[in-house]
C-alpha cells in the first residue's frame, strides 16, 4: 500500500528536536542526536513536523508503507493518552492540547442592552493538521468539522454551530492533504456522539466532506452526521 510518509535527511538534521515536539502521533524520537521515524504506522503523513524543522531536513514522499499494524497503533495511542501534553522545545504552548472552559453568557438586564459575544471554541489547537489524535477533549464529544472560510462567511457560527461542540477546521485546497487518515484515527480512538460538517458552497470544500465519509467508513463508527453548506454571501443554502 502506498501512502505519504515523512523522510528525514540525517545529514541535514541538526538534532534540535523541534520536529519531535511537533509530532502529535509520537512517530518521531531523538536517537543518538538525530530525529528518527519510530514506525511508519504511527506517521499520519500530514507533515506537522515539516515547518518546525529549521534545517529543511524533513520531506514527505509517497512510498510503499509497512503493513498497518492496528493493534500496535492502538497500544501506542493508549501510551500517548497517559503522556503529558507536548510543547515545542522553545517552550511555546502552540501545540499543547487543552480544553477551554467557558462561562455562561451574560443576559441583558435592561431592554436594548448589548451583550458581548463569547467565543465557543472548546479546545486548542483547532486545525485538523495540528489536533492530537489522543486529545481527551474528543471523548464523548459532538464534533464540528468546519471549512476555514465558514467562520468569516457565516456571522453566527459560534452560537449556531460551535456551541457545545469540539471544533476542528481546515481547508482541503490550501492544506493540500487528505483528511481521511487523521479523521479515521480520531474516530477510532474516541466514541463521538455526533459529527457535523460545515462547508462552503465552493467545489474545493468537497474535500472535507469526502474526508469525513472516508473516515466514517474506515473506522466503522457510523455515528449521526450531517452536512451544512454556507453560501459565499453568508447564508445557509443546504442543511
Protein backbone atom coordinates (compact mmCIF):
# COMPACT_ATOMS: atom_id res chain seq x y z
CA UNK A 1 0.00 0.00 0.00
CA UNK A 2 1.35 3.40 -0.96
CA UNK A 3 0.81 6.44 1.25
CA UNK A 4 2.53 9.63 2.34
CA UNK A 5 5.28 9.19 4.94
CA UNK A 6 7.94 11.60 6.15
CA UNK A 7 11.61 11.15 5.26
CA UNK A 8 14.46 12.57 7.34
CA UNK A 9 17.80 13.55 5.83
CA UNK A 10 20.19 12.71 8.68
CA UNK A 11 23.00 14.79 7.18
CA UNK A 12 20.84 17.92 7.37
CA UNK A 13 19.33 17.11 10.77
CA UNK A 14 20.86 19.30 13.49
CA UNK A 15 19.26 17.45 16.39
CA UNK A 16 17.22 20.41 17.62
CA UNK A 17 14.24 18.18 18.46
CA UNK A 18 11.57 20.63 17.27
CA UNK A 19 10.07 18.05 14.92
CA UNK A 20 9.71 15.53 17.76
CA UNK A 21 7.73 18.02 19.82
CA UNK A 22 5.56 18.92 16.81
CA UNK A 23 4.58 15.31 16.06
CA UNK A 24 1.28 14.64 17.83
CA UNK A 25 1.33 10.98 16.85
CA UNK A 26 4.57 10.19 18.70
CA UNK A 27 6.12 8.91 15.46
CA UNK A 28 9.47 10.68 15.97
CA UNK A 29 12.19 10.25 18.60
CA UNK A 30 15.70 11.55 19.13
CA UNK A 31 18.26 8.75 18.69
CA UNK A 32 21.97 9.50 19.00
CA UNK A 33 21.33 13.20 18.48
CA UNK A 34 19.25 12.74 15.32
CA UNK A 35 15.50 12.67 14.71
CA UNK A 36 14.28 9.19 13.76
CA UNK A 37 10.95 7.86 12.48
CA UNK A 38 9.93 5.27 15.09
CA UNK A 39 7.38 3.47 12.92
CA UNK A 40 5.71 4.15 9.59
CA UNK A 41 2.42 3.02 11.15
CA UNK A 42 2.49 5.95 13.59
CA UNK A 43 3.17 8.59 10.91
CA UNK A 44 -0.06 10.19 9.63
CA UNK A 45 1.73 11.72 6.64
CA UNK A 46 0.22 15.17 7.25
CA UNK A 47 3.60 16.79 7.85
CA UNK A 48 3.01 18.84 11.02
CA UNK A 49 6.73 18.38 11.68
CA UNK A 50 7.88 19.90 8.37
CA UNK A 51 7.50 23.63 9.15
CA UNK A 52 9.19 23.14 12.53
CA UNK A 53 12.48 21.89 11.03
CA UNK A 54 14.84 24.88 10.66
CA UNK A 55 17.29 22.83 8.57
CA UNK A 56 14.80 21.59 5.99
CA UNK A 57 15.76 18.01 6.77
CA UNK A 58 12.23 16.61 6.54
CA UNK A 59 10.25 15.89 3.39
CA UNK A 60 7.14 13.88 2.58
CA UNK A 61 7.24 11.15 -0.02
CA UNK A 62 4.75 8.62 -1.30
CA UNK A 63 6.08 5.11 -0.96
CA UNK A 64 5.16 1.56 -0.09
CA UNK A 65 4.44 1.55 3.63
CA UNK A 66 4.91 -1.17 6.21
CA UNK A 67 1.74 -3.22 6.74
CA UNK A 68 -0.62 -1.33 9.04
CA UNK A 69 -0.45 -2.88 12.50
CA UNK A 70 -3.73 -1.71 14.03
CA UNK A 71 -3.07 -3.35 17.40
CA UNK A 72 0.36 -1.71 17.69
CA UNK A 73 -1.07 1.71 16.83
CA UNK A 74 -3.88 1.21 19.37
CA UNK A 75 -1.36 0.44 22.12
CA UNK A 76 0.74 3.41 21.03
CA UNK A 77 -2.25 5.76 21.28
CA UNK A 78 -3.04 4.42 24.76
CA UNK A 79 0.51 5.27 25.86
CA UNK A 80 0.14 8.77 24.44
CA UNK A 81 -3.04 9.31 26.47
CA UNK A 82 -1.03 8.98 29.69
CA UNK A 83 1.79 11.21 28.46
CA UNK A 84 1.93 14.93 29.35
CA UNK A 85 0.86 17.40 26.62
CA UNK A 86 3.61 18.12 24.13
CA UNK A 87 5.08 21.59 23.69
CA UNK A 88 7.72 22.87 21.35
CA UNK A 89 11.33 22.82 22.50
CA UNK A 90 11.28 26.60 22.75
CA UNK A 91 8.52 26.38 25.38
CA UNK A 92 5.83 27.70 23.04
CA UNK A 93 2.43 26.22 24.03
CA UNK A 94 1.15 26.45 20.47
CA UNK A 95 0.74 22.70 20.04
CA UNK A 96 -0.24 21.75 23.60
CA UNK A 97 -3.71 20.17 23.68
CA UNK A 98 -6.05 21.73 26.21
CA UNK A 99 -9.75 22.10 26.80
CA UNK A 100 -11.20 25.59 27.28
CA UNK A 101 -13.78 26.15 29.99
CA UNK A 102 -16.40 28.76 29.10
CA UNK A 103 -18.53 30.78 31.48
CA UNK A 104 -22.23 31.13 30.76
CA UNK A 105 -23.07 34.11 28.60
CA UNK A 106 -24.48 37.12 30.38
CA UNK A 107 -28.09 38.09 29.75
CA UNK A 108 -29.26 41.69 29.18
CA UNK A 109 -30.51 43.43 32.32
CA UNK A 110 -32.18 46.30 30.51
CA UNK A 111 -34.10 46.37 27.21
CA UNK A 112 -31.84 47.03 24.22
CA UNK A 113 -28.63 46.33 26.17
CA UNK A 114 -25.92 44.80 24.01
CA UNK A 115 -24.11 41.80 25.45
CA UNK A 116 -20.61 40.94 24.14
CA UNK A 117 -20.48 37.65 22.28
CA UNK A 118 -18.45 34.89 23.94
CA UNK A 119 -16.23 32.56 21.94
CA UNK A 120 -17.50 28.98 21.84
CA UNK A 121 -14.19 27.37 20.91
CA UNK A 122 -13.91 24.50 23.36
CA UNK A 123 -10.30 23.38 22.86
CA UNK A 124 -6.88 24.17 21.43
CA UNK A 125 -5.46 23.57 18.86
CA UNK A 126 -8.28 23.58 16.32
CA UNK A 127 -6.54 22.96 12.97
CA UNK A 128 -7.18 19.43 11.69
CA UNK A 129 -3.48 19.02 10.92
CA UNK A 130 -2.48 20.03 14.45
CA UNK A 131 -5.04 18.42 16.77
CA UNK A 132 -3.59 15.42 18.63
CA UNK A 133 -5.48 12.21 17.88
CA UNK A 134 -5.30 11.25 21.55
CA UNK A 135 -6.60 14.59 22.93
CA UNK A 136 -9.01 13.87 25.83
CA UNK A 137 -11.47 16.55 24.71
CA UNK A 138 -12.64 14.25 21.88
CA UNK A 139 -14.12 11.76 24.36
CA UNK A 140 -17.95 11.62 24.04
CA UNK A 141 -17.87 14.88 22.07
CA UNK A 142 -20.14 16.35 19.44
CA UNK A 143 -17.62 17.15 16.69
CA UNK A 144 -17.80 20.04 14.23
CA UNK A 145 -15.55 19.76 11.17
CA UNK A 146 -15.61 23.20 9.55
CA UNK A 147 -14.02 24.74 6.49
CA UNK A 148 -11.84 27.73 7.37
CA UNK A 149 -13.92 30.22 5.39
CA UNK A 150 -17.18 29.41 7.15
CA UNK A 151 -16.10 31.40 10.19
CA UNK A 152 -15.85 34.54 8.06
CA UNK A 153 -18.85 33.94 5.82
CA UNK A 154 -21.39 32.91 8.47
CA UNK A 155 -21.76 35.52 11.19
CA UNK A 156 -23.28 33.37 13.94
CA UNK A 157 -21.01 30.34 13.65
CA UNK A 158 -20.13 30.39 17.36
CA UNK A 159 -23.68 30.38 18.69
CA UNK A 160 -25.30 28.32 15.91
CA UNK A 161 -22.67 25.65 15.28
CA UNK A 162 -19.72 25.72 17.70
CA UNK A 163 -21.64 25.85 20.98
CA UNK A 164 -21.19 22.62 22.99
CA UNK A 165 -19.06 21.08 20.27
CA UNK A 166 -15.38 20.37 19.69
CA UNK A 167 -14.45 22.34 16.56
CA UNK A 168 -11.71 21.39 14.13
CA UNK A 169 -11.06 23.36 10.96
CA UNK A 170 -9.21 23.05 7.68
CA UNK A 171 -9.08 23.94 4.00
CA UNK A 172 -8.59 20.99 1.64
CA UNK A 173 -7.31 23.31 -1.08
CA UNK A 174 -4.68 25.15 0.97
CA UNK A 175 -3.68 22.28 3.27
CA UNK A 176 -3.07 20.05 0.23
CA UNK A 177 -3.63 16.83 2.15
CA UNK A 178 -6.16 14.06 2.64
CA UNK A 179 -8.00 14.45 5.94
CA UNK A 180 -9.31 10.89 5.84
CA UNK A 181 -6.48 9.23 7.78
CA UNK A 182 -6.40 11.82 10.59
CA UNK A 183 -10.19 11.79 10.99
CA UNK A 184 -10.22 7.98 10.90
CA UNK A 185 -7.70 7.86 13.75
CA UNK A 186 -9.79 10.31 15.80
CA UNK A 187 -12.98 8.30 15.25
CA UNK A 188 -11.27 5.01 16.11
CA UNK A 189 -9.76 6.43 19.29
CA UNK A 190 -12.92 8.02 20.71
CA UNK A 191 -16.65 7.45 20.97
CA UNK A 192 -18.04 10.59 19.37
CA UNK A 193 -21.74 11.37 19.81
CA UNK A 194 -22.29 13.17 16.51
CA UNK A 195 -20.44 14.84 13.65
CA UNK A 196 -21.40 18.00 11.78
CA UNK A 197 -19.62 19.15 8.62
CA UNK A 198 -19.82 22.88 7.90
CA UNK A 199 -18.62 23.66 4.38
CA UNK A 200 -18.75 26.45 1.85
CA UNK A 201 -20.67 26.05 -1.40
CA UNK A 202 -17.43 26.17 -3.43
CA UNK A 203 -16.29 22.88 -5.01
CA UNK A 204 -12.98 22.61 -3.15
CA UNK A 205 -14.85 22.22 0.14
CA UNK A 206 -15.96 18.83 -1.08
CA UNK A 207 -12.58 17.57 0.14
CA UNK A 208 -13.69 17.95 3.76
CA UNK A 209 -16.92 16.05 3.13
CA UNK A 210 -15.06 13.27 1.32
CA UNK A 211 -12.54 13.04 4.17
CA UNK A 212 -15.34 12.63 6.70
CA UNK A 213 -17.11 9.98 4.59
CA UNK A 214 -13.84 8.09 4.20
CA UNK A 215 -13.20 8.25 7.96
CA UNK A 216 -16.69 7.06 8.89
CA UNK A 217 -16.40 4.04 6.60
CA UNK A 218 -12.81 3.20 7.58
CA UNK A 219 -13.47 3.49 11.31
CA UNK A 220 -16.75 1.59 11.28
CA UNK A 221 -18.22 4.31 13.51
CA UNK A 222 -21.47 5.20 11.76
CA UNK A 223 -22.45 7.94 14.18
CA UNK A 224 -25.16 10.54 13.40
CA UNK A 225 -23.71 13.07 10.97
CA UNK A 226 -24.86 15.71 8.52
CA UNK A 227 -23.51 18.40 6.20
CA UNK A 228 -24.41 22.09 6.28
CA UNK A 229 -23.48 24.29 3.31
CA UNK A 230 -22.86 28.03 3.58
CA UNK A 231 -23.07 30.33 0.56
CA UNK A 232 -20.35 32.84 -0.24
CA UNK A 233 -22.68 35.63 0.89
CA UNK A 234 -23.10 34.03 4.31
CA UNK A 235 -26.42 32.19 4.13
CA UNK A 236 -27.29 28.57 4.81
CA UNK A 237 -28.12 27.07 1.43
CA UNK A 238 -28.36 23.40 2.39
CA UNK A 239 -28.84 21.59 5.70
